[in-house]
C-alpha cells in the first residue's frame, strides 16, 4: 500500500519505518499502519526534522483475496480506492 511519510527509514535521523497490519472481515479490510520513528542517542527524536511528505510503501499480507471487499481507512472508517 502507498502512503506519505518520511524520506528516510528509521535507521536515519528524522526517518520513519512503516509496518502494516490487516484486520479482515467478510465485508471489509482495515489496514493499520504503525510508525516507527528514528530514536537517536538519549532516546529522543532529533529536533528540526522537516515535515515534508515523501511517497513510501508498506506491505500487508491478507489471509484471503479481497474478492470485492472494501478497504477502509481506519481513522474515519471511509473506503479508500484500490487498484
Protein backbone atom coordinates (compact mmCIF):
# COMPACT_ATOMS: atom_id res chain seq x y z
CA UNK A 1 0.00 0.00 0.00
CA UNK A 2 1.16 3.55 -0.64
CA UNK A 3 1.38 6.30 1.93
CA UNK A 4 3.06 9.64 2.53
CA UNK A 5 5.82 9.70 5.11
CA UNK A 6 9.41 10.46 5.96
CA UNK A 7 12.02 10.37 3.21
CA UNK A 8 14.44 8.07 5.06
CA UNK A 9 13.98 4.90 7.09
CA UNK A 10 14.10 4.78 10.89
CA UNK A 11 17.82 3.99 10.78
CA UNK A 12 18.44 7.64 9.75
CA UNK A 13 17.85 10.88 11.70
CA UNK A 14 14.30 12.18 11.06
CA UNK A 15 13.44 8.84 9.41
CA UNK A 16 10.48 6.53 9.94
CA UNK A 17 9.59 2.93 9.11
CA UNK A 18 6.02 1.79 8.46
CA UNK A 19 4.58 -1.58 9.46
CA UNK A 20 1.13 -2.53 8.13
CA UNK A 21 -1.34 -4.98 9.63
CA UNK A 22 -4.72 -6.00 8.19
CA UNK A 23 -7.91 -6.57 10.16
CA UNK A 24 -10.25 -8.59 7.95
CA UNK A 25 -13.96 -9.41 7.90
CA UNK A 26 -16.22 -10.93 5.25
CA UNK A 27 -17.15 -7.41 4.02
CA UNK A 28 -14.09 -5.24 4.52
CA UNK A 29 -10.38 -4.98 5.24
CA UNK A 30 -8.97 -2.27 7.50
CA UNK A 31 -5.24 -1.62 7.27
CA UNK A 32 -3.49 -0.31 10.36
CA UNK A 33 -0.11 1.35 9.84
CA UNK A 34 2.27 1.68 12.77
CA UNK A 35 5.01 4.31 12.54
CA UNK A 36 8.42 3.57 13.97
CA UNK A 37 10.49 6.76 14.24
CA UNK A 38 14.24 7.19 14.42
CA UNK A 39 15.34 7.40 18.02
CA UNK A 40 18.76 8.91 18.49
CA UNK A 41 21.16 8.92 21.40
CA UNK A 42 19.27 9.62 24.59
CA UNK A 43 16.07 8.09 23.11
CA UNK A 44 14.94 11.37 21.55
CA UNK A 45 13.61 12.30 18.12
CA UNK A 46 16.02 14.90 16.66
CA UNK A 47 14.71 18.49 16.64
CA UNK A 48 14.31 20.31 13.33
CA UNK A 49 13.05 17.43 11.20
CA UNK A 50 11.23 18.69 8.10
CA UNK A 51 7.60 17.64 7.82
CA UNK A 52 7.75 17.15 4.05
CA UNK A 53 5.88 14.10 2.79
CA UNK A 54 7.51 11.54 0.54
CA UNK A 55 5.94 8.52 -1.20
CA UNK A 56 6.54 5.38 0.85
CA UNK A 57 5.05 1.90 0.88
CA UNK A 58 4.09 -0.69 3.46
CA UNK A 59 3.31 -4.31 2.65
CA UNK A 60 0.46 -6.24 4.19
CA UNK A 61 -0.46 -9.88 3.52
CA UNK A 62 -4.15 -10.77 3.55
CA UNK A 63 -5.50 -14.11 4.77
CA UNK A 64 -7.64 -14.26 1.61
CA UNK A 65 -8.02 -12.19 -1.59
CA UNK A 66 -10.10 -9.00 -1.46
CA UNK A 67 -12.83 -10.51 -3.69
CA UNK A 68 -14.84 -7.28 -3.69
CA UNK A 69 -14.35 -6.43 -0.01
CA UNK A 70 -13.95 -2.73 0.77
CA UNK A 71 -10.64 -1.42 2.03
CA UNK A 72 -11.23 1.07 4.84
CA UNK A 73 -9.20 3.98 6.16
CA UNK A 74 -9.02 3.31 9.89
CA UNK A 75 -9.41 6.78 11.47
CA UNK A 76 -12.55 7.82 9.55
CA UNK A 77 -13.80 4.37 8.51
CA UNK A 78 -14.13 5.58 4.91
CA UNK A 79 -13.42 3.39 1.86
CA UNK A 80 -10.15 4.01 0.02
CA UNK A 81 -9.50 3.33 -3.66
CA UNK A 82 -7.71 0.11 -4.60
CA UNK A 83 -6.04 -0.95 -7.80
